[in-house]
Amino acid sequence: MTPERMQRIQSVLRHRQNDLTVVLENVFDPHNISAVMRSCDAVGVQEIYVLTTKIPRHKKWGSRSSSSAAKWLTIHQFDNAEDCFAALREKYSSILTTHLSANAKNLYDIDLTGSTALVFGNEHAGVSDEIRAMADGNFIIPQVGMIQSLNISVACAVSLYEAYRQKAAAGHFAGQKLGDGEYGSLATQWGMYHEEKTA
């Protein structure tokens, strides 16, 4: 591996955030999932949770939108909501869903600098009642158009970049946030991807 490539890997890992994640509930289009993965990689999210309680477990992701983003992320797949939320509660203090409801908060009024999991739902049904009942609150992305929803990947990107803005202003990208063990493991794994690509 070239020194330049190693420096790139180290720079990306130093900006990875260990207190922000995305949860996708029964999102069936793999290309939507791949687009979400690309946004996650762009803003420093390392982990993503894919929950499939009403659709078959995903075996692969759409490649067109991802530009191979999946290999740079840690992807957790669950087919049981309780198990998924138990894993989330071990690492994240707040779980928020995107849902148009009377008690939903404006995205731009939420403090996203804390340990947060953002849940996005199915392309047609949105976040289920079950998941909303298990979460800590709802938020909406303000809109003034006739159609009161965004594509799942667009909604996720908008939300993630608001989190990025807040976290950057709070200095979260100034130093390494991953633990040394995870940092080293990912550096080794990513280096292996590079060697396979150049072999």
Protein backbone atom coordinates (compact mmCIF):
# COMPACT_ATOMS: atom_id res chain seq x y z
CA MET A 1 0.00 0.00 0.00
CA THR A 2 1.29 3.45 -0.87
CA PRO A 3 1.91 5.99 1.92
CA GLU A 4 -0.69 8.25 0.30
CA ARG A 5 -3.33 5.52 0.48
CA MET A 6 -2.52 4.80 4.12
CA GLN A 7 -2.77 8.48 4.95
CA ARG A 8 -6.17 8.59 3.27
CA ILE A 9 -7.42 5.63 5.29
CA GLN A 10 -6.13 7.14 8.53
CA SER A 11 -7.70 10.51 7.75
CA VAL A 12 -11.11 8.96 7.05
CA LEU A 13 -10.98 6.84 10.20
CA ARG A 14 -10.05 9.83 12.34
CA HIS A 15 -13.27 11.48 11.22
CA ARG A 16 -15.53 8.47 11.82
CA GLN A 17 -18.22 9.18 14.41
CA ASN A 18 -19.04 6.53 17.01
CA ASP A 19 -22.17 8.29 18.28
CA LEU A 20 -24.31 8.59 15.15
CA THR A 21 -25.99 5.82 13.19
CA VAL A 22 -28.81 5.14 10.75
CA VAL A 23 -31.48 2.45 11.04
CA LEU A 24 -33.43 1.36 7.95
CA GLU A 25 -36.71 -0.41 8.69
CA ASN A 26 -37.96 -2.69 5.90
CA VAL A 27 -36.46 -0.57 3.13
CA PHE A 28 -36.83 -2.99 0.26
CA ASP A 29 -35.00 -1.29 -2.63
CA PRO A 30 -31.29 -2.15 -2.36
CA HIS A 31 -30.43 0.93 -4.40
CA ASN A 32 -32.05 3.13 -1.76
CA ILE A 33 -30.01 1.35 0.89
CA SER A 34 -26.85 1.83 -1.14
CA ALA A 35 -27.56 5.54 -1.55
CA VAL A 36 -28.01 5.81 2.22
CA MET A 37 -24.69 4.02 2.72
CA ARG A 38 -22.95 6.52 0.49
CA SER A 39 -24.34 9.40 2.55
CA CYS A 40 -23.28 7.67 5.76
CA ASP A 41 -19.74 7.28 4.50
CA ALA A 42 -19.66 10.92 3.39
CA VAL A 43 -20.49 12.33 6.84
CA GLY A 44 -18.41 9.91 8.91
CA VAL A 45 -21.07 7.42 10.03
CA GLN A 46 -19.43 4.02 10.43
CA GLU A 47 -22.34 1.80 11.49
CA ILE A 48 -25.68 1.21 9.82
CA TYR A 49 -28.52 -1.03 11.01
CA VAL A 50 -30.75 -2.80 8.50
CA LEU A 51 -33.97 -4.19 10.00
CA THR A 52 -36.05 -6.59 7.92
CA THR A 53 -39.11 -7.78 9.82
CA LYS A 54 -41.57 -7.78 6.91
CA ILE A 55 -39.33 -8.33 3.90
CA PRO A 56 -36.66 -10.94 3.09
CA ARG A 57 -33.19 -10.39 4.47
CA HIS A 58 -30.99 -8.51 2.02
CA LYS A 59 -28.23 -10.56 0.44
CA LYS A 60 -26.59 -7.77 -1.53
CA TRP A 61 -26.82 -4.05 -2.04
CA GLY A 62 -27.36 -2.16 -5.26
CA SER A 63 -23.98 -1.11 -6.59
CA ARG A 64 -24.88 1.75 -8.92
CA SER A 65 -25.54 4.36 -6.21
CA SER A 66 -23.09 3.17 -3.59
CA SER A 67 -19.75 3.39 -5.39
CA SER A 68 -18.81 0.44 -3.16
CA ALA A 69 -19.74 2.36 0.00
CA ALA A 70 -20.85 -0.85 1.74
CA LYS A 71 -17.31 -2.13 2.14
CA TRP A 72 -16.32 0.95 4.14
CA LEU A 73 -19.19 0.58 6.62
CA THR A 74 -20.06 -1.79 9.45
CA ILE A 75 -23.49 -3.17 8.57
CA HIS A 76 -25.69 -4.89 11.16
CA GLN A 77 -28.70 -6.83 9.87
CA PHE A 78 -31.60 -7.82 12.12
CA ASP A 79 -34.90 -9.56 11.46
CA ASN A 80 -36.20 -8.96 14.99
CA ALA A 81 -37.07 -5.44 16.15
CA GLU A 82 -36.47 -6.12 19.84
CA ASP A 83 -33.01 -7.51 19.17
CA CYS A 84 -32.18 -4.56 16.97
CA PHE A 85 -33.28 -2.03 19.57
CA ALA A 86 -31.44 -3.88 22.32
CA ALA A 87 -28.24 -3.52 20.30
CA LEU A 88 -28.98 0.14 19.63
CA ARG A 89 -29.66 0.89 23.30
CA GLU A 90 -26.22 -0.46 24.21
CA LYS A 91 -24.53 2.22 22.10
CA TYR A 92 -26.91 5.12 21.49
CA SER A 93 -28.68 7.34 24.00
CA SER A 94 -31.49 8.56 21.75
CA ILE A 95 -33.44 6.79 18.98
CA LEU A 96 -35.48 9.09 16.75
CA THR A 97 -37.83 8.18 13.93
CA THR A 98 -38.90 10.18 10.91
CA HIS A 99 -42.66 10.40 11.09
CA LEU A 100 -45.25 13.07 10.39
CA SER A 101 -47.12 13.34 13.69
CA ALA A 102 -48.50 16.02 15.98
CA ASN A 103 -45.60 15.66 18.40
CA ALA A 104 -42.86 15.51 15.77
CA LYS A 105 -40.06 18.04 16.12
CA ASN A 106 -38.50 20.01 13.32
CA LEU A 107 -35.19 18.45 12.27
CA TYR A 108 -33.46 21.79 12.68
CA ASP A 109 -34.66 22.14 16.27
CA ILE A 110 -33.12 18.84 17.40
CA ASP A 111 -29.72 18.57 19.08
CA LEU A 112 -27.90 15.96 17.02
CA THR A 113 -24.55 16.32 18.76
CA GLY A 114 -25.41 13.62 21.28
CA SER A 115 -25.38 9.86 20.81
CA THR A 116 -28.19 9.37 18.29
CA ALA A 117 -29.74 6.73 16.05
CA LEU A 118 -31.93 8.00 13.20
CA VAL A 119 -34.62 5.60 11.96
CA PHE A 120 -36.00 5.72 8.42
CA GLY A 121 -38.89 3.55 7.31
CA ASN A 122 -40.23 1.65 4.36
CA GLU A 123 -40.59 3.47 1.03
CA HIS A 124 -44.41 3.30 1.14
CA ALA A 125 -45.50 2.76 4.74
CA GLY A 126 -42.79 4.73 6.52
CA VAL A 127 -41.73 3.85 10.05
CA SER A 128 -44.08 1.27 11.59
CA ASP A 129 -46.20 1.83 14.70
CA GLU A 130 -44.13 -0.83 16.47
CA ILE A 131 -40.87 0.99 15.89
CA ARG A 132 -42.30 4.41 16.74
CA ALA A 133 -43.51 3.00 20.06
CA MET A 134 -40.00 1.76 20.83
CA ALA A 135 -38.27 5.03 19.89
CA ASP A 136 -37.68 8.16 21.96
CA GLY A 137 -39.32 10.64 19.61
CA ASN A 138 -40.16 11.70 16.07
CA PHE A 139 -38.83 14.38 13.79
CA ILE A 140 -39.85 15.80 10.45
CA ILE A 141 -37.95 17.52 7.66
CA PRO A 142 -39.76 20.82 7.00
CA GLN A 143 -41.33 21.07 3.57
CA VAL A 144 -43.60 23.57 1.81
CA GLY A 145 -44.55 21.55 -1.26
CA MET A 146 -47.68 19.60 -2.13
CA ILE A 147 -46.01 16.24 -1.53
CA GLN A 148 -45.28 15.80 2.16
CA SER A 149 -42.47 13.28 1.85
CA LEU A 150 -39.03 12.78 0.39
CA ASN A 151 -37.37 9.75 -1.09
CA ILE A 152 -35.86 7.68 1.72
CA SER A 153 -32.30 8.24 0.57
CA VAL A 154 -32.84 11.98 0.17
CA ALA A 155 -34.48 12.27 3.60
CA CYS A 156 -31.57 10.42 5.14
CA ALA A 157 -28.99 12.59 3.39
CA VAL A 158 -30.70 15.81 4.52
CA SER A 159 -30.85 14.56 8.11
CA LEU A 160 -27.26 13.32 8.13
CA TYR A 161 -25.90 16.58 6.81
CA GLU A 162 -27.74 18.50 9.51
CA ALA A 163 -26.09 16.18 12.04
CA TYR A 164 -22.77 16.76 10.29
CA ARG A 165 -23.22 20.52 10.48
CA GLN A 166 -23.98 20.42 14.19
CA LYS A 167 -21.21 17.99 15.02
CA ALA A 168 -18.62 19.91 13.00
CA ALA A 169 -19.58 23.14 14.79
CA ALA A 170 -19.21 21.32 18.12
CA GLY A 171 -15.71 20.10 17.22
CA HIS A 172 -16.58 16.43 16.86
CA PHE A 173 -14.32 16.02 13.85
CA ALA A 174 -11.27 17.53 15.53
CA GLY A 175 -9.96 14.26 16.93
CA GLN A 176 -10.33 10.49 16.76
CA LYS A 177 -13.61 9.22 18.20
CA LEU A 178 -13.34 5.53 17.38
CA GLY A 179 -11.75 3.35 20.03
CA ASP A 180 -8.21 2.25 19.27
CA GLY A 181 -9.31 -1.37 18.79
CA GLU A 182 -12.01 -0.53 16.26
CA TYR A 183 -9.73 1.99 14.55
CA GLY A 184 -6.97 -0.59 14.14
CA SER A 185 -9.32 -3.34 12.99
CA LEU A 186 -10.90 -1.13 10.34
CA ALA A 187 -7.52 0.16 9.17
CA THR A 188 -6.37 -3.41 8.63
CA GLN A 189 -9.63 -4.39 6.90
CA TRP A 190 -9.57 -1.36 4.60
CA GLY A 191 -5.93 -2.00 3.78
CA MET A 192 -6.85 -5.51 2.72
CA TYR A 193 -9.55 -4.12 0.40
CA HIS A 194 -6.90 -1.92 -1.18
CA GLU A 195 -4.51 -4.83 -1.66
CA GLU A 196 -7.26 -6.93 -3.29
CA LYS A 197 -8.11 -4.11 -5.65
CA THR A 198 -4.52 -3.55 -6.73
CA ALA A 199 -3.49 -7.23 -6.89
